[in-house]
Amino acid sequence: MKNRIAFGIALLAVLALSVAALRAQNAKPAAKAKSTRVDISKDKAGGESARFLSVVGNWAVVEDGGKKVWLMCSQFASPGVSLGND
């Protein structure tokens, strides 16, 4: 009796894995993430961007090698708090 129960459980497990494998093969690929491009070339260096509102951190437009880029200023951060640009 125990052998029949073990065989039945094993058979159900194989069936479940087979169904899962078939579903995985027929699944649609994930949609690509859309990127957003923000042009800050006309923003004034040394100030905030007119086209980008930062929610976290203090960001400023600066010139780096002739290009305008965003810089996160960590001078106002609390001591011991990492802002990810250390």
N, C-alpha and C. Protein backbone atom coordinates (compact mmCIF):
# COMPACT_ATOMS: atom_id res chain seq x y z
N MET A 1 0.82 -1.20 0.00
CA MET A 1 0.00 0.00 0.00
C MET A 1 0.86 1.26 0.00
N LYS A 2 1.92 1.25 0.82
CA LYS A 2 2.80 2.42 0.88
C LYS A 2 3.50 2.64 -0.45
N ASN A 3 3.82 1.55 -1.14
CA ASN A 3 4.48 1.67 -2.45
C ASN A 3 3.56 2.33 -3.47
N ARG A 4 2.26 2.00 -3.42
CA ARG A 4 1.32 2.60 -4.36
C ARG A 4 1.16 4.09 -4.09
N ILE A 5 1.12 4.47 -2.84
CA ILE A 5 0.99 5.89 -2.49
C ILE A 5 2.23 6.66 -2.94
N ALA A 6 3.42 6.09 -2.68
CA ALA A 6 4.67 6.73 -3.09
C ALA A 6 4.73 6.85 -4.61
N PHE A 7 4.30 5.80 -5.32
CA PHE A 7 4.31 5.84 -6.79
C PHE A 7 3.33 6.89 -7.30
N GLY A 8 2.17 6.99 -6.69
CA GLY A 8 1.17 7.98 -7.10
C GLY A 8 1.68 9.40 -6.88
N ILE A 9 2.33 9.64 -5.74
CA ILE A 9 2.88 10.96 -5.46
C ILE A 9 3.98 11.31 -6.45
N ALA A 10 4.85 10.34 -6.75
CA ALA A 10 5.93 10.57 -7.71
C ALA A 10 5.36 10.85 -9.10
N LEU A 11 4.32 10.12 -9.48
CA LEU A 11 3.69 10.33 -10.79
C LEU A 11 3.06 11.72 -10.87
N LEU A 12 2.40 12.15 -9.81
CA LEU A 12 1.81 13.49 -9.79
C LEU A 12 2.90 14.57 -9.87
N ALA A 13 4.01 14.35 -9.20
CA ALA A 13 5.11 15.32 -9.23
C ALA A 13 5.69 15.44 -10.64
N VAL A 14 5.88 14.31 -11.31
CA VAL A 14 6.40 14.33 -12.69
C VAL A 14 5.41 15.03 -13.61
N LEU A 15 4.15 14.77 -13.44
CA LEU A 15 3.11 15.41 -14.26
C LEU A 15 3.10 16.92 -14.04
N ALA A 16 3.19 17.33 -12.78
CA ALA A 16 3.19 18.76 -12.47
C ALA A 16 4.42 19.45 -13.07
N LEU A 17 5.57 18.82 -12.98
CA LEU A 17 6.79 19.40 -13.56
C LEU A 17 6.70 19.47 -15.08
N SER A 18 6.08 18.47 -15.70
CA SER A 18 5.93 18.48 -17.16
C SER A 18 5.03 19.62 -17.60
N VAL A 19 3.93 19.83 -16.89
CA VAL A 19 3.01 20.92 -17.22
C VAL A 19 3.70 22.27 -17.03
N ALA A 20 4.48 22.41 -15.96
CA ALA A 20 5.19 23.66 -15.72
C ALA A 20 6.21 23.92 -16.82
N ALA A 21 6.90 22.88 -17.28
CA ALA A 21 7.89 23.04 -18.35
C ALA A 21 7.21 23.45 -19.65
N LEU A 22 6.07 22.87 -19.96
CA LEU A 22 5.34 23.24 -21.18
C LEU A 22 4.85 24.67 -21.11
N ARG A 23 4.36 25.09 -19.96
CA ARG A 23 3.91 26.48 -19.82
C ARG A 23 5.08 27.44 -19.98
N ALA A 24 6.24 27.09 -19.44
CA ALA A 24 7.41 27.97 -19.55
C ALA A 24 7.85 28.11 -21.01
N GLN A 25 7.73 27.03 -21.78
CA GLN A 25 8.11 27.10 -23.19
C GLN A 25 7.17 27.99 -23.99
N ASN A 26 5.90 28.00 -23.61
CA ASN A 26 4.90 28.77 -24.36
C ASN A 26 4.70 30.18 -23.82
N ALA A 27 5.41 30.54 -22.77
CA ALA A 27 5.25 31.87 -22.18
C ALA A 27 5.80 32.93 -23.12
N LYS A 28 5.13 34.08 -23.12
CA LYS A 28 5.60 35.20 -23.94
C LYS A 28 6.79 35.86 -23.26
N PRO A 29 7.74 36.36 -24.04
CA PRO A 29 8.88 37.05 -23.43
C PRO A 29 8.41 38.34 -22.76
N ALA A 30 9.12 38.73 -21.73
CA ALA A 30 8.78 39.95 -20.99
C ALA A 30 8.94 41.17 -21.91
N ALA A 31 8.07 42.13 -21.72
CA ALA A 31 8.13 43.36 -22.52
C ALA A 31 9.39 44.15 -22.14
N LYS A 32 9.99 44.77 -23.12
CA LYS A 32 11.18 45.58 -22.85
C LYS A 32 10.79 46.85 -22.12
N ALA A 33 11.64 47.24 -21.20
CA ALA A 33 11.40 48.48 -20.47
C ALA A 33 11.63 49.67 -21.40
N LYS A 34 10.78 50.66 -21.28
CA LYS A 34 10.92 51.86 -22.11
C LYS A 34 11.83 52.83 -21.38
N SER A 35 12.74 53.42 -22.10
CA SER A 35 13.62 54.41 -21.49
C SER A 35 13.10 55.81 -21.80
N THR A 36 13.44 56.73 -20.94
CA THR A 36 13.05 58.12 -21.11
C THR A 36 14.30 58.96 -21.20
N ARG A 37 14.38 59.80 -22.18
CA ARG A 37 15.54 60.66 -22.36
C ARG A 37 15.14 62.09 -22.05
N VAL A 38 15.91 62.73 -21.18
CA VAL A 38 15.65 64.11 -20.79
C VAL A 38 16.82 64.95 -21.26
N ASP A 39 16.55 65.94 -22.09
CA ASP A 39 17.61 66.81 -22.62
C ASP A 39 17.86 67.97 -21.66
N ILE A 40 19.06 68.00 -21.08
CA ILE A 40 19.41 69.08 -20.15
C ILE A 40 20.46 70.01 -20.75
N SER A 41 20.68 69.89 -22.05
CA SER A 41 21.73 70.69 -22.69
C SER A 41 21.44 72.19 -22.62
N LYS A 42 20.18 72.57 -22.52
CA LYS A 42 19.84 74.00 -22.47
C LYS A 42 19.68 74.52 -21.05
N ASP A 43 19.82 73.63 -20.06
CA ASP A 43 19.73 74.07 -18.67
C ASP A 43 21.00 74.80 -18.26
N LYS A 44 20.87 75.70 -17.32
CA LYS A 44 21.99 76.50 -16.83
C LYS A 44 22.82 75.66 -15.86
N ALA A 45 24.12 75.62 -16.11
CA ALA A 45 25.03 74.87 -15.24
C ALA A 45 25.09 75.55 -13.87
N GLY A 46 25.10 74.74 -12.82
CA GLY A 46 25.19 75.27 -11.47
C GLY A 46 23.85 75.41 -10.79
N GLY A 47 22.79 75.05 -11.46
CA GLY A 47 21.45 75.17 -10.87
C GLY A 47 20.65 73.90 -11.08
N GLU A 48 19.41 73.95 -10.68
CA GLU A 48 18.52 72.81 -10.88
C GLU A 48 18.06 72.75 -12.32
N SER A 49 17.71 71.55 -12.76
CA SER A 49 17.20 71.37 -14.11
C SER A 49 15.77 71.87 -14.20
N ALA A 50 15.44 72.48 -15.32
CA ALA A 50 14.07 72.94 -15.55
C ALA A 50 13.19 71.80 -16.05
N ARG A 51 13.80 70.68 -16.45
CA ARG A 51 13.06 69.57 -17.04
C ARG A 51 13.05 68.32 -16.18
N PHE A 52 13.71 68.36 -15.05
CA PHE A 52 13.85 67.18 -14.21
C PHE A 52 13.62 67.57 -12.76
N LEU A 53 12.66 66.96 -12.12
CA LEU A 53 12.38 67.23 -10.72
C LEU A 53 12.90 66.06 -9.89
N SER A 54 13.89 66.32 -9.06
CA SER A 54 14.43 65.24 -8.23
C SER A 54 13.55 65.06 -7.01
N VAL A 55 13.32 63.83 -6.66
CA VAL A 55 12.50 63.50 -5.50
C VAL A 55 13.40 63.18 -4.32
N VAL A 56 14.51 62.53 -4.58
CA VAL A 56 15.44 62.14 -3.53
C VAL A 56 16.80 62.76 -3.83
N GLY A 57 17.35 63.47 -2.86
CA GLY A 57 18.69 64.04 -3.02
C GLY A 57 18.66 65.43 -3.60
N ASN A 58 19.82 66.05 -3.58
CA ASN A 58 20.01 67.38 -4.15
C ASN A 58 20.80 67.23 -5.44
N TRP A 59 20.15 67.46 -6.56
CA TRP A 59 20.77 67.29 -7.86
C TRP A 59 20.98 68.66 -8.50
N ALA A 60 22.08 68.78 -9.23
CA ALA A 60 22.37 70.03 -9.93
C ALA A 60 22.93 69.70 -11.31
N VAL A 61 22.74 70.61 -12.24
CA VAL A 61 23.32 70.47 -13.58
C VAL A 61 24.71 71.08 -13.53
N VAL A 62 25.72 70.31 -13.96
CA VAL A 62 27.10 70.79 -13.99
C VAL A 62 27.70 70.41 -15.34
N GLU A 63 28.78 71.07 -15.68
CA GLU A 63 29.49 70.72 -16.91
C GLU A 63 30.65 69.80 -16.58
N ASP A 64 30.76 68.72 -17.34
CA ASP A 64 31.83 67.74 -17.16
C ASP A 64 32.38 67.38 -18.53
N GLY A 65 33.56 67.88 -18.82
CA GLY A 65 34.17 67.59 -20.12
C GLY A 65 33.39 68.17 -21.28
N GLY A 66 32.78 69.31 -21.08
CA GLY A 66 32.03 69.96 -22.15
C GLY A 66 30.59 69.50 -22.27
N LYS A 67 30.19 68.52 -21.47
CA LYS A 67 28.81 68.03 -21.49
C LYS A 67 28.12 68.44 -20.21
N LYS A 68 26.85 68.71 -20.30
CA LYS A 68 26.06 68.99 -19.10
C LYS A 68 25.54 67.66 -18.56
N VAL A 69 25.77 67.45 -17.28
CA VAL A 69 25.36 66.22 -16.62
C VAL A 69 24.72 66.56 -15.29
N TRP A 70 24.05 65.58 -14.67
CA TRP A 70 23.50 65.75 -13.35
C TRP A 70 24.53 65.32 -12.32
N LEU A 71 24.62 66.06 -11.25
CA LEU A 71 25.51 65.72 -10.14
C LEU A 71 24.68 65.71 -8.87
N MET A 72 24.83 64.64 -8.12
CA MET A 72 24.13 64.57 -6.84
C MET A 72 25.04 65.12 -5.77
N CYS A 73 24.57 66.13 -5.07
CA CYS A 73 25.36 66.79 -4.04
C CYS A 73 25.05 66.14 -2.70
N SER A 74 26.08 65.59 -2.05
CA SER A 74 25.86 64.90 -0.78
C SER A 74 26.30 65.73 0.42
N GLN A 75 26.63 67.00 0.21
CA GLN A 75 27.12 67.81 1.33
C GLN A 75 26.04 68.08 2.37
N PHE A 76 24.77 67.91 1.98
CA PHE A 76 23.68 68.16 2.92
C PHE A 76 23.16 66.89 3.57
N ALA A 77 23.78 65.76 3.27
CA ALA A 77 23.32 64.49 3.82
C ALA A 77 23.64 64.40 5.30
N SER A 78 22.85 63.64 6.00
CA SER A 78 23.09 63.42 7.42
C SER A 78 24.34 62.57 7.59
N PRO A 79 25.10 62.79 8.65
CA PRO A 79 26.30 61.97 8.88
C PRO A 79 25.93 60.50 8.98
N GLY A 80 26.71 59.67 8.31
CA GLY A 80 26.50 58.22 8.35
C GLY A 80 25.49 57.71 7.34
N VAL A 81 24.90 58.61 6.54
CA VAL A 81 23.91 58.17 5.55
C VAL A 81 24.58 58.12 4.19
N SER A 82 24.54 56.94 3.55
CA SER A 82 25.14 56.78 2.23
C SER A 82 24.11 57.12 1.17
N LEU A 83 24.49 57.93 0.21
CA LEU A 83 23.60 58.30 -0.90
C LEU A 83 23.89 57.52 -2.16
N GLY A 84 24.83 56.59 -2.08
CA GLY A 84 25.12 55.74 -3.21
C GLY A 84 26.18 56.28 -4.16
N ASN A 85 26.71 57.47 -3.92
CA ASN A 85 27.74 58.01 -4.79
C ASN A 85 29.04 58.22 -4.05
N ASP A 86 29.23 57.47 -2.98
CA ASP A 86 30.46 57.59 -2.18
C ASP A 86 31.63 56.93 -2.88
